[in-house]
Amino acid sequence: MLLAVDAGNTNVVFALFSPREDGGPREIRARWRIATDPRRTADEYAVWLLQLMQIAGFAREDVSRMIVATVVPRARHNLAVLGEKFFGVTPLFAGEGAAAWDFPIDVQEPRSLGADRAVNALAAHRRYSGDLIVIDFGTATTFDVVDFNGAYKGGIIAPGINLSLDALVSHTAKLPRIAIEAPRDSAVIGRNTEDQMLIGVFWGYVAMMEGLIARLKAEIGRPTRVVATGGLALLFDKHTEIFDTVDTDLTLTGLALLADQAASR
């Protein structure tokens, strides 16, 4: 089985993919999530992950390959040690060696593109046709443009909604911390402090997304599919019409595609 690891700024997600049969696509058999901590050692990852695998009915011997996409440089070494010490495999790292990108990255500094965004571009082009805008809700919210040939053309980086809320709360003396959720109704005149904050953060974020998508589509100038991924995609999908597709496993799927691509080289 393939162990795919998406190490982001907020969480690290581990997913086990079934082997490919008759050339068909891999399927996710299990996934686990842990808060990102660059100080976490390979031993600590192993204690946590191996117990969860055992609970789900998997053994360490089931893992035959491992691939990692990370935007946290300090986590790289410990994830590499995790693969080598506890699974007996040398992990592939997205964008490097046999797992190098096989599509054009048409921006001024291609090496600066985050591995997660590149993996999303790869997966989106393989799964959907035409020009694409990929929105990924993470610590930052990213908008990535992929043309109909699969080339990465650039995009937008905006503060994530939780990051925006954290900044609001930490830089004011009296505003309380609130949970991110949809307002109870469509009213935008809040009657108390908490409602006013939620309206500002939630509907303000929806308005930001709708405005940026409209501008991106106008600049692309061709029919464009919008694909949303990340933890909050399903929440926002209920309150805006801008998403054509919600694919919560886009990044993990891209890692599996990249691993299979590397194996065929």
C-alpha atoms as a PDB file:
ATOM      1  CA  MET A   1       0.000   0.000   0.000  1.00  0.00           C
ATOM      2  CA  LEU A   2       1.007   3.609  -0.521  1.00  0.00           C
ATOM      3  CA  LEU A   3       1.344   5.947   2.469  1.00  0.00           C
ATOM      4  CA  ALA A   4       0.770   9.546   1.354  1.00  0.00           C
ATOM      5  CA  VAL A   5       1.645  12.414   3.685  1.00  0.00           C
ATOM      6  CA  ASP A   6       0.449  15.997   3.230  1.00  0.00           C
ATOM      7  CA  ALA A   7       2.367  18.134   5.733  1.00  0.00           C
ATOM      8  CA  GLY A   8       0.785  21.582   5.886  1.00  0.00           C
ATOM      9  CA  ASN A   9       1.310  24.536   8.173  1.00  0.00           C
ATOM     10  CA  THR A  10      -1.616  23.580  10.430  1.00  0.00           C
ATOM     11  CA  ASN A  11      -2.062  19.802  10.076  1.00  0.00           C
ATOM     12  CA  VAL A  12      -0.237  16.748   8.778  1.00  0.00           C
ATOM     13  CA  VAL A  13      -2.539  14.278   7.030  1.00  0.00           C
ATOM     14  CA  PHE A  14      -1.554  10.634   6.520  1.00  0.00           C
ATOM     15  CA  ALA A  15      -3.523   8.474   4.082  1.00  0.00           C
ATOM     16  CA  LEU A  16      -3.247   4.824   3.083  1.00  0.00           C
ATOM     17  CA  PHE A  17      -4.069   4.043  -0.538  1.00  0.00           C
ATOM     18  CA  SER A  18      -4.973   0.591  -1.795  1.00  0.00           C
ATOM     19  CA  PRO A  19      -2.747  -0.974  -4.462  1.00  0.00           C
ATOM     20  CA  ARG A  20      -3.704  -0.331  -8.083  1.00  0.00           C
ATOM     21  CA  GLU A  21      -5.550  -3.249  -9.655  1.00  0.00           C
ATOM     22  CA  ASP A  22      -5.884  -3.692 -13.430  1.00  0.00           C
ATOM     23  CA  GLY A  23      -4.652  -0.160 -13.964  1.00  0.00           C
ATOM     24  CA  GLY A  24      -7.550   1.343 -12.016  1.00  0.00           C
ATOM     25  CA  PRO A  25      -7.241   4.304  -9.672  1.00  0.00           C
ATOM     26  CA  ARG A  26      -6.110   3.922  -6.110  1.00  0.00           C
ATOM     27  CA  GLU A  27      -8.653   4.311  -3.304  1.00  0.00           C
ATOM     28  CA  ILE A  28      -8.092   5.833   0.116  1.00  0.00           C
ATOM     29  CA  ARG A  29      -8.479   3.099   2.720  1.00  0.00           C
ATOM     30  CA  ALA A  30      -7.836   5.237   5.805  1.00  0.00           C
ATOM     31  CA  ARG A  31      -6.703   8.718   6.769  1.00  0.00           C
ATOM     32  CA  TRP A  32      -5.439  10.320   9.973  1.00  0.00           C
ATOM     33  CA  ARG A  33      -4.697  13.917  10.913  1.00  0.00           C
ATOM     34  CA  ILE A  34      -2.363  15.429  13.507  1.00  0.00           C
ATOM     35  CA  ALA A  35      -1.486  19.038  14.338  1.00  0.00           C
ATOM     36  CA  THR A  36       1.699  20.238  12.679  1.00  0.00           C
ATOM     37  CA  ASP A  37       4.636  20.597  15.057  1.00  0.00           C
ATOM     38  CA  PRO A  38       8.058  20.900  13.403  1.00  0.00           C
ATOM     39  CA  ARG A  39       9.644  19.619  16.614  1.00  0.00           C
ATOM     40  CA  ARG A  40       7.752  16.310  16.458  1.00  0.00           C
ATOM     41  CA  THR A  41      10.253  13.477  16.029  1.00  0.00           C
ATOM     42  CA  ALA A  42       9.969  10.401  13.846  1.00  0.00           C
ATOM     43  CA  ASP A  43       9.505   8.312  16.987  1.00  0.00           C
ATOM     44  CA  GLU A  44       6.566  10.461  18.074  1.00  0.00           C
ATOM     45  CA  TYR A  45       4.956  10.202  14.637  1.00  0.00           C
ATOM     46  CA  ALA A  46       5.430   6.430  14.725  1.00  0.00           C
ATOM     47  CA  VAL A  47       3.887   5.905  18.163  1.00  0.00           C
ATOM     48  CA  TRP A  48       0.798   7.825  17.076  1.00  0.00           C
ATOM     49  CA  LEU A  49       0.493   6.498  13.522  1.00  0.00           C
ATOM     50  CA  LEU A  50       1.242   2.829  14.158  1.00  0.00           C
ATOM     51  CA  GLN A  51      -1.368   2.647  16.908  1.00  0.00           C
ATOM     52  CA  LEU A  52      -4.006   4.174  14.637  1.00  0.00           C
ATOM     53  CA  MET A  53      -3.071   1.824  11.820  1.00  0.00           C
ATOM     54  CA  GLN A  54      -3.421  -1.145  14.141  1.00  0.00           C
ATOM     55  CA  ILE A  55      -6.843   0.034  15.318  1.00  0.00           C
ATOM     56  CA  ALA A  56      -7.922   0.290  11.669  1.00  0.00           C
ATOM     57  CA  GLY A  57      -6.642  -3.202  10.916  1.00  0.00           C
ATOM     58  CA  PHE A  58      -3.393  -2.346   9.103  1.00  0.00           C
ATOM     59  CA  ALA A  59       0.191  -3.381   9.870  1.00  0.00           C
ATOM     60  CA  ARG A  60       3.392  -1.505   9.196  1.00  0.00           C
ATOM     61  CA  GLU A  61       4.317  -4.247   6.684  1.00  0.00           C
ATOM     62  CA  ASP A  62       1.336  -3.170   4.567  1.00  0.00           C
ATOM     63  CA  VAL A  63       3.200   0.013   3.594  1.00  0.00           C
ATOM     64  CA  SER A  64       5.413  -0.593   0.577  1.00  0.00           C
ATOM     65  CA  ARG A  65       5.831   2.990  -0.675  1.00  0.00           C
ATOM     66  CA  MET A  66       5.634   6.466   0.825  1.00  0.00           C
ATOM     67  CA  ILE A  67       5.335   9.934  -0.697  1.00  0.00           C
ATOM     68  CA  VAL A  68       5.407  13.288   1.094  1.00  0.00           C
ATOM     69  CA  ALA A  69       4.386  16.822   0.168  1.00  0.00           C
ATOM     70  CA  THR A  70       5.511  19.332   2.750  1.00  0.00           C
ATOM     71  CA  VAL A  71       5.526  23.113   3.072  1.00  0.00           C
ATOM     72  CA  VAL A  72       7.212  22.840   6.484  1.00  0.00           C
ATOM     73  CA  PRO A  73      10.960  22.389   5.870  1.00  0.00           C
ATOM     74  CA  ARG A  74      11.686  21.410   9.479  1.00  0.00           C
ATOM     75  CA  ALA A  75       9.259  18.482   9.238  1.00  0.00           C
ATOM     76  CA  ARG A  76      11.020  16.971   6.235  1.00  0.00           C
ATOM     77  CA  HIS A  77      13.828  15.164   8.066  1.00  0.00           C
ATOM     78  CA  ASN A  78      11.587  13.537  10.661  1.00  0.00           C
ATOM     79  CA  LEU A  79       9.119  12.336   8.016  1.00  0.00           C
ATOM     80  CA  ALA A  80      11.999  10.847   6.033  1.00  0.00           C
ATOM     81  CA  VAL A  81      13.242   9.049   9.158  1.00  0.00           C
ATOM     82  CA  LEU A  82       9.701   7.827   9.834  1.00  0.00           C
ATOM     83  CA  GLY A  83       9.607   6.096   6.464  1.00  0.00           C
ATOM     84  CA  GLU A  84      13.072   4.604   6.660  1.00  0.00           C
ATOM     85  CA  LYS A  85      13.115   3.551  10.318  1.00  0.00           C
ATOM     86  CA  PHE A  86       9.572   2.310  10.819  1.00  0.00           C
ATOM     87  CA  PHE A  87       8.369   1.263   7.354  1.00  0.00           C
ATOM     88  CA  GLY A  88      11.629   0.332   5.671  1.00  0.00           C
ATOM     89  CA  VAL A  89      11.020   2.619   2.688  1.00  0.00           C
ATOM     90  CA  THR A  90      12.750   5.733   1.397  1.00  0.00           C
ATOM     91  CA  PRO A  91      10.022   8.343   0.923  1.00  0.00           C
ATOM     92  CA  LEU A  92       9.555  10.232  -2.303  1.00  0.00           C
ATOM     93  CA  PHE A  93       9.242  13.984  -1.891  1.00  0.00           C
ATOM     94  CA  ALA A  94       6.838  15.748  -4.216  1.00  0.00           C
ATOM     95  CA  GLY A  95       8.646  17.801  -6.830  1.00  0.00           C
ATOM     96  CA  GLU A  96      12.008  16.056  -6.408  1.00  0.00           C
ATOM     97  CA  GLY A  97      13.856  13.243  -8.190  1.00  0.00           C
ATOM     98  CA  ALA A  98      11.540  10.618  -9.639  1.00  0.00           C
ATOM     99  CA  ALA A  99       8.591  12.632  -8.271  1.00  0.00           C
ATOM    100  CA  ALA A 100       9.549  15.805 -10.160  1.00  0.00           C
ATOM    101  CA  TRP A 101       6.725  17.747 -11.799  1.00  0.00           C
ATOM    102  CA  ASP A 102       5.889  16.693 -15.357  1.00  0.00           C
ATOM    103  CA  PHE A 103       3.883  19.816 -16.240  1.00  0.00           C
ATOM    104  CA  PRO A 104       4.959  23.393 -17.013  1.00  0.00           C
ATOM    105  CA  ILE A 105       5.062  25.820 -14.076  1.00  0.00           C
ATOM    106  CA  ASP A 106       4.630  29.091 -15.936  1.00  0.00           C
ATOM    107  CA  VAL A 107       5.466  31.636 -13.227  1.00  0.00           C
ATOM    108  CA  GLN A 108       8.431  33.911 -12.533  1.00  0.00           C
ATOM    109  CA  GLU A 109       9.900  31.707  -9.790  1.00  0.00           C
ATOM    110  CA  PRO A 110       8.812  28.080 -10.392  1.00  0.00           C
ATOM    111  CA  ARG A 111      10.876  26.787  -7.452  1.00  0.00           C
ATOM    112  CA  SER A 112       8.853  28.912  -5.032  1.00  0.00           C
ATOM    113  CA  LEU A 113       5.601  27.077  -5.780  1.00  0.00           C
ATOM    114  CA  GLY A 114       4.491  25.097  -2.724  1.00  0.00           C
ATOM    115  CA  ALA A 115       4.392  21.324  -3.152  1.00  0.00           C
ATOM    116  CA  ASP A 116       0.757  21.180  -2.030  1.00  0.00           C
ATOM    117  CA  ARG A 117      -0.326  23.672  -4.691  1.00  0.00           C
ATOM    118  CA  ALA A 118       1.607  21.857  -7.407  1.00  0.00           C
ATOM    119  CA  VAL A 119       0.077  18.530  -6.348  1.00  0.00           C
ATOM    120  CA  ASN A 120      -3.391  20.116  -6.486  1.00  0.00           C
ATOM    121  CA  ALA A 121      -2.674  21.390 -10.004  1.00  0.00           C
ATOM    122  CA  LEU A 122      -1.577  17.917 -11.104  1.00  0.00           C
ATOM    123  CA  ALA A 123      -4.623  16.199  -9.623  1.00  0.00           C
ATOM    124  CA  ALA A 124      -7.118  18.778 -10.882  1.00  0.00           C
ATOM    125  CA  HIS A 125      -5.864  18.524 -14.467  1.00  0.00           C
ATOM    126  CA  ARG A 126      -5.930  14.728 -14.381  1.00  0.00           C
ATOM    127  CA  ARG A 127      -9.463  14.605 -12.950  1.00  0.00           C
ATOM    128  CA  TYR A 128     -11.184  17.531 -14.651  1.00  0.00           C
ATOM    129  CA  SER A 129     -11.011  18.994 -18.139  1.00  0.00           C
ATOM    130  CA  GLY A 130     -10.504  22.505 -19.465  1.00  0.00           C
ATOM    131  CA  ASP A 131      -9.254  25.582 -17.664  1.00  0.00           C
ATOM    132  CA  LEU A 132      -9.381  25.315 -13.880  1.00  0.00           C
ATOM    133  CA  ILE A 133      -9.283  27.439 -10.757  1.00  0.00           C
ATOM    134  CA  VAL A 134      -8.383  25.412  -7.669  1.00  0.00           C
ATOM    135  CA  ILE A 135      -9.263  26.901  -4.269  1.00  0.00           C
ATOM    136  CA  ASP A 136      -7.572  25.254  -1.292  1.00  0.00           C
ATOM    137  CA  PHE A 137      -8.731  26.208   2.203  1.00  0.00           C
ATOM    138  CA  GLY A 138      -5.786  25.826   4.560  1.00  0.00           C
ATOM    139  CA  THR A 139      -3.800  28.086   6.847  1.00  0.00           C
ATOM    140  CA  ALA A 140      -3.796  30.335   3.807  1.00  0.00           C
ATOM    141  CA  THR A 141      -6.478  30.173   1.143  1.00  0.00           C
ATOM    142  CA  THR A 142      -4.902  29.727  -2.261  1.00  0.00           C
ATOM    143  CA  PHE A 143      -6.415  30.241  -5.708  1.00  0.00           C
ATOM    144  CA  ASP A 144      -4.441  28.418  -8.425  1.00  0.00           C
ATOM    145  CA  VAL A 145      -4.997  28.669 -12.176  1.00  0.00           C
ATOM    146  CA  VAL A 146      -4.328  25.619 -14.370  1.00  0.00           C
ATOM    147  CA  ASP A 147      -4.858  25.952 -18.115  1.00  0.00           C
ATOM    148  CA  PHE A 148      -6.462  23.373 -20.405  1.00  0.00           C
ATOM    149  CA  ASN A 149      -3.020  21.914 -21.244  1.00  0.00           C
ATOM    150  CA  GLY A 150      -2.244  21.304 -17.553  1.00  0.00           C
ATOM    151  CA  ALA A 151       0.228  24.174 -17.149  1.00  0.00           C
ATOM    152  CA  TYR A 152       0.275  25.997 -13.825  1.00  0.00           C
ATOM    153  CA  LYS A 153      -0.209  29.689 -14.647  1.00  0.00           C
ATOM    154  CA  GLY A 154      -0.124  31.366 -11.222  1.00  0.00           C
ATOM    155  CA  GLY A 155      -2.683  32.366  -8.639  1.00  0.00           C
ATOM    156  CA  ILE A 156      -3.507  34.200  -5.443  1.00  0.00           C
ATOM    157  CA  ILE A 157      -2.597  33.739  -1.772  1.00  0.00           C
ATOM    158  CA  ALA A 158      -5.029  35.125   0.801  1.00  0.00           C
ATOM    159  CA  PRO A 159      -5.126  34.770   4.595  1.00  0.00           C
ATOM    160  CA  GLY A 160      -7.110  31.734   5.694  1.00  0.00           C
ATOM    161  CA  ILE A 161     -10.367  32.450   7.463  1.00  0.00           C
ATOM    162  CA  ASN A 162      -9.083  31.117  10.805  1.00  0.00           C
ATOM    163  CA  LEU A 163      -5.928  33.182  10.418  1.00  0.00           C
ATOM    164  CA  SER A 164      -8.064  36.258   9.765  1.00  0.00           C
ATOM    165  CA  LEU A 165     -10.159  35.557  12.843  1.00  0.00           C
ATOM    166  CA  ASP A 166      -7.064  34.974  14.988  1.00  0.00           C
ATOM    167  CA  ALA A 167      -5.650  38.326  13.891  1.00  0.00           C
ATOM    168  CA  LEU A 168      -8.927  40.076  14.697  1.00  0.00           C
ATOM    169  CA  VAL A 169      -9.160  38.576  18.186  1.00  0.00           C
ATOM    170  CA  SER A 170      -5.483  38.918  19.117  1.00  0.00           C
ATOM    171  CA  HIS A 171      -5.289  42.585  18.131  1.00  0.00           C
ATOM    172  CA  THR A 172      -8.423  43.755  19.926  1.00  0.00           C
ATOM    173  CA  ALA A 173      -8.976  44.038  23.656  1.00  0.00           C
ATOM    174  CA  LYS A 174     -12.613  43.027  24.039  1.00  0.00           C
ATOM    175  CA  LEU A 175     -13.609  40.852  21.088  1.00  0.00           C
ATOM    176  CA  PRO A 176     -14.217  37.205  22.060  1.00  0.00           C
ATOM    177  CA  ARG A 177     -12.996  34.126  20.231  1.00  0.00           C
ATOM    178  CA  ILE A 178     -15.760  32.527  18.150  1.00  0.00           C
ATOM    179  CA  ALA A 179     -16.065  29.356  16.091  1.00  0.00           C
ATOM    180  CA  ILE A 180     -16.164  29.483  12.311  1.00  0.00           C
ATOM    181  CA  GLU A 181     -19.654  28.536  11.207  1.00  0.00           C
ATOM    182  CA  ALA A 182     -22.364  29.848   8.928  1.00  0.00           C
ATOM    183  CA  PRO A 183     -24.495  32.651  10.419  1.00  0.00           C
ATOM    184  CA  ARG A 184     -27.911  31.487  11.603  1.00  0.00           C
ATOM    185  CA  ASP A 185     -29.732  33.462   8.897  1.00  0.00           C
ATOM    186  CA  SER A 186     -28.937  35.639   5.900  1.00  0.00           C
ATOM    187  CA  ALA A 187     -29.146  38.911   7.829  1.00  0.00           C
ATOM    188  CA  VAL A 188     -26.020  41.045   7.695  1.00  0.00           C
ATOM    189  CA  ILE A 189     -26.997  43.491  10.440  1.00  0.00           C
ATOM    190  CA  GLY A 190     -25.666  41.840  13.573  1.00  0.00           C
ATOM    191  CA  ARG A 191     -27.522  42.461  16.837  1.00  0.00           C
ATOM    192  CA  ASN A 192     -24.723  41.460  19.203  1.00  0.00           C
ATOM    193  CA  THR A 193     -20.931  41.370  19.153  1.00  0.00           C
ATOM    194  CA  GLU A 194     -20.574  37.675  18.366  1.00  0.00           C
ATOM    195  CA  ASP A 195     -23.036  37.825  15.461  1.00  0.00           C
ATOM    196  CA  GLN A 196     -21.365  40.927  14.071  1.00  0.00           C
ATOM    197  CA  MET A 197     -17.983  39.193  14.150  1.00  0.00           C
ATOM    198  CA  LEU A 198     -19.335  36.045  12.511  1.00  0.00           C
ATOM    199  CA  ILE A 199     -21.092  38.027   9.778  1.00  0.00           C
ATOM    200  CA  GLY A 200     -17.952  40.045   9.097  1.00  0.00           C
ATOM    201  CA  VAL A 201     -15.670  37.033   8.948  1.00  0.00           C
ATOM    202  CA  PHE A 202     -17.975  34.548   7.183  1.00  0.00           C
ATOM    203  CA  TRP A 203     -19.861  36.702   4.673  1.00  0.00           C
ATOM    204  CA  GLY A 204     -16.803  38.889   4.211  1.00  0.00           C
ATOM    205  CA  TYR A 205     -14.866  35.792   3.225  1.00  0.00           C
ATOM    206  CA  VAL A 206     -17.589  34.633   0.844  1.00  0.00           C
ATOM    207  CA  ALA A 207     -17.620  38.077  -0.781  1.00  0.00           C
ATOM    208  CA  MET A 208     -13.825  37.986  -1.114  1.00  0.00           C
ATOM    209  CA  MET A 209     -13.932  34.582  -2.814  1.00  0.00           C
ATOM    210  CA  GLU A 210     -16.741  35.537  -5.157  1.00  0.00           C
ATOM    211  CA  GLY A 211     -14.973  38.749  -6.138  1.00  0.00           C
ATOM    212  CA  LEU A 212     -11.612  37.095  -6.770  1.00  0.00           C
ATOM    213  CA  ILE A 213     -13.142  34.242  -8.756  1.00  0.00           C
ATOM    214  CA  ALA A 214     -15.001  36.727 -10.952  1.00  0.00           C
ATOM    215  CA  ARG A 215     -11.780  38.637 -11.610  1.00  0.00           C
ATOM    216  CA  LEU A 216      -9.823  35.445 -12.320  1.00  0.00           C
ATOM    217  CA  LYS A 217     -12.424  34.211 -14.799  1.00  0.00           C
ATOM    218  CA  ALA A 218     -12.443  37.574 -16.561  1.00  0.00           C
ATOM    219  CA  GLU A 219      -8.649  37.467 -16.874  1.00  0.00           C
ATOM    220  CA  ILE A 220      -8.614  33.858 -18.112  1.00  0.00           C
ATOM    221  CA  GLY A 221     -11.230  34.720 -20.715  1.00  0.00           C
ATOM    222  CA  ARG A 222     -12.446  31.159 -21.299  1.00  0.00           C
ATOM    223  CA  PRO A 223     -15.008  28.896 -19.585  1.00  0.00           C
ATOM    224  CA  THR A 224     -13.394  27.803 -16.333  1.00  0.00           C
ATOM    225  CA  ARG A 225     -14.275  25.144 -13.771  1.00  0.00           C
ATOM    226  CA  VAL A 226     -13.791  26.023 -10.093  1.00  0.00           C
ATOM    227  CA  VAL A 227     -12.614  23.133  -7.906  1.00  0.00           C
ATOM    228  CA  ALA A 228     -12.591  23.592  -4.112  1.00  0.00           C
ATOM    229  CA  THR A 229     -10.637  21.509  -1.622  1.00  0.00           C
ATOM    230  CA  GLY A 230      -9.554  21.747   2.011  1.00  0.00           C
ATOM    231  CA  GLY A 231     -11.342  21.522   5.326  1.00  0.00           C
ATOM    232  CA  LEU A 232     -13.809  24.395   4.894  1.00  0.00           C
ATOM    233  CA  ALA A 233     -14.776  23.735   1.284  1.00  0.00           C
ATOM    234  CA  LEU A 234     -17.941  21.847   2.208  1.00  0.00           C
ATOM    235  CA  LEU A 235     -19.052  24.576   4.623  1.00  0.00           C
ATOM    236  CA  PHE A 236     -18.682  27.371   2.071  1.00  0.00           C
ATOM    237  CA  ASP A 237     -20.205  25.263  -0.700  1.00  0.00           C
ATOM    238  CA  LYS A 238     -23.558  25.487   1.090  1.00  0.00           C
ATOM    239  CA  HIS A 239     -23.531  29.282   0.952  1.00  0.00           C
ATOM    240  CA  THR A 240     -22.133  30.244  -2.447  1.00  0.00           C
ATOM    241  CA  GLU A 241     -22.594  29.150  -6.053  1.00  0.00           C
ATOM    242  CA  ILE A 242     -18.999  29.716  -7.159  1.00  0.00           C
ATOM    243  CA  PHE A 243     -17.772  26.109  -6.803  1.00  0.00           C
ATOM    244  CA  ASP A 244     -18.410  23.691  -9.651  1.00  0.00           C
ATOM    245  CA  THR A 245     -16.827  20.779  -7.786  1.00  0.00           C
ATOM    246  CA  VAL A 246     -15.792  20.082  -4.200  1.00  0.00           C
ATOM    247  CA  ASP A 247     -12.999  17.517  -4.028  1.00  0.00           C
ATOM    248  CA  THR A 248     -11.849  17.203  -0.425  1.00  0.00           C
ATOM    249  CA  ASP A 249      -9.194  14.588  -1.280  1.00  0.00           C
ATOM    250  CA  LEU A 250      -7.597  16.488  -4.156  1.00  0.00           C
ATOM    251  CA  THR A 251      -4.151  16.873  -2.561  1.00  0.00           C
ATOM    252  CA  LEU A 252      -3.944  13.260  -1.417  1.00  0.00           C
ATOM    253  CA  THR A 253      -5.144  12.056  -4.816  1.00  0.00           C
ATOM    254  CA  GLY A 254      -2.437  14.145  -6.458  1.00  0.00           C
ATOM    255  CA  LEU A 255       0.188  12.524  -4.250  1.00  0.00           C
ATOM    256  CA  ALA A 256      -1.001   9.064  -5.272  1.00  0.00           C
ATOM    257  CA  LEU A 257      -0.902  10.049  -8.956  1.00  0.00           C
ATOM    258  CA  LEU A 258       2.594  11.460  -8.518  1.00  0.00           C
ATOM    259  CA  ALA A 259       3.801   8.281  -6.775  1.00  0.00           C
ATOM    260  CA  ASP A 260       2.475   6.119  -9.610  1.00  0.00           C
ATOM    261  CA  GLN A 261       4.051   8.460 -12.151  1.00  0.00           C
ATOM    262  CA  ALA A 262       7.390   8.130 -10.357  1.00  0.00           C
ATOM    263  CA  ALA A 263       7.126   4.326 -10.352  1.00  0.00           C
ATOM    264  CA  SER A 264       6.666   4.272 -14.127  1.00  0.00           C
ATOM    265  CA  ARG A 265       9.809   6.339 -14.816  1.00  0.00           C
END
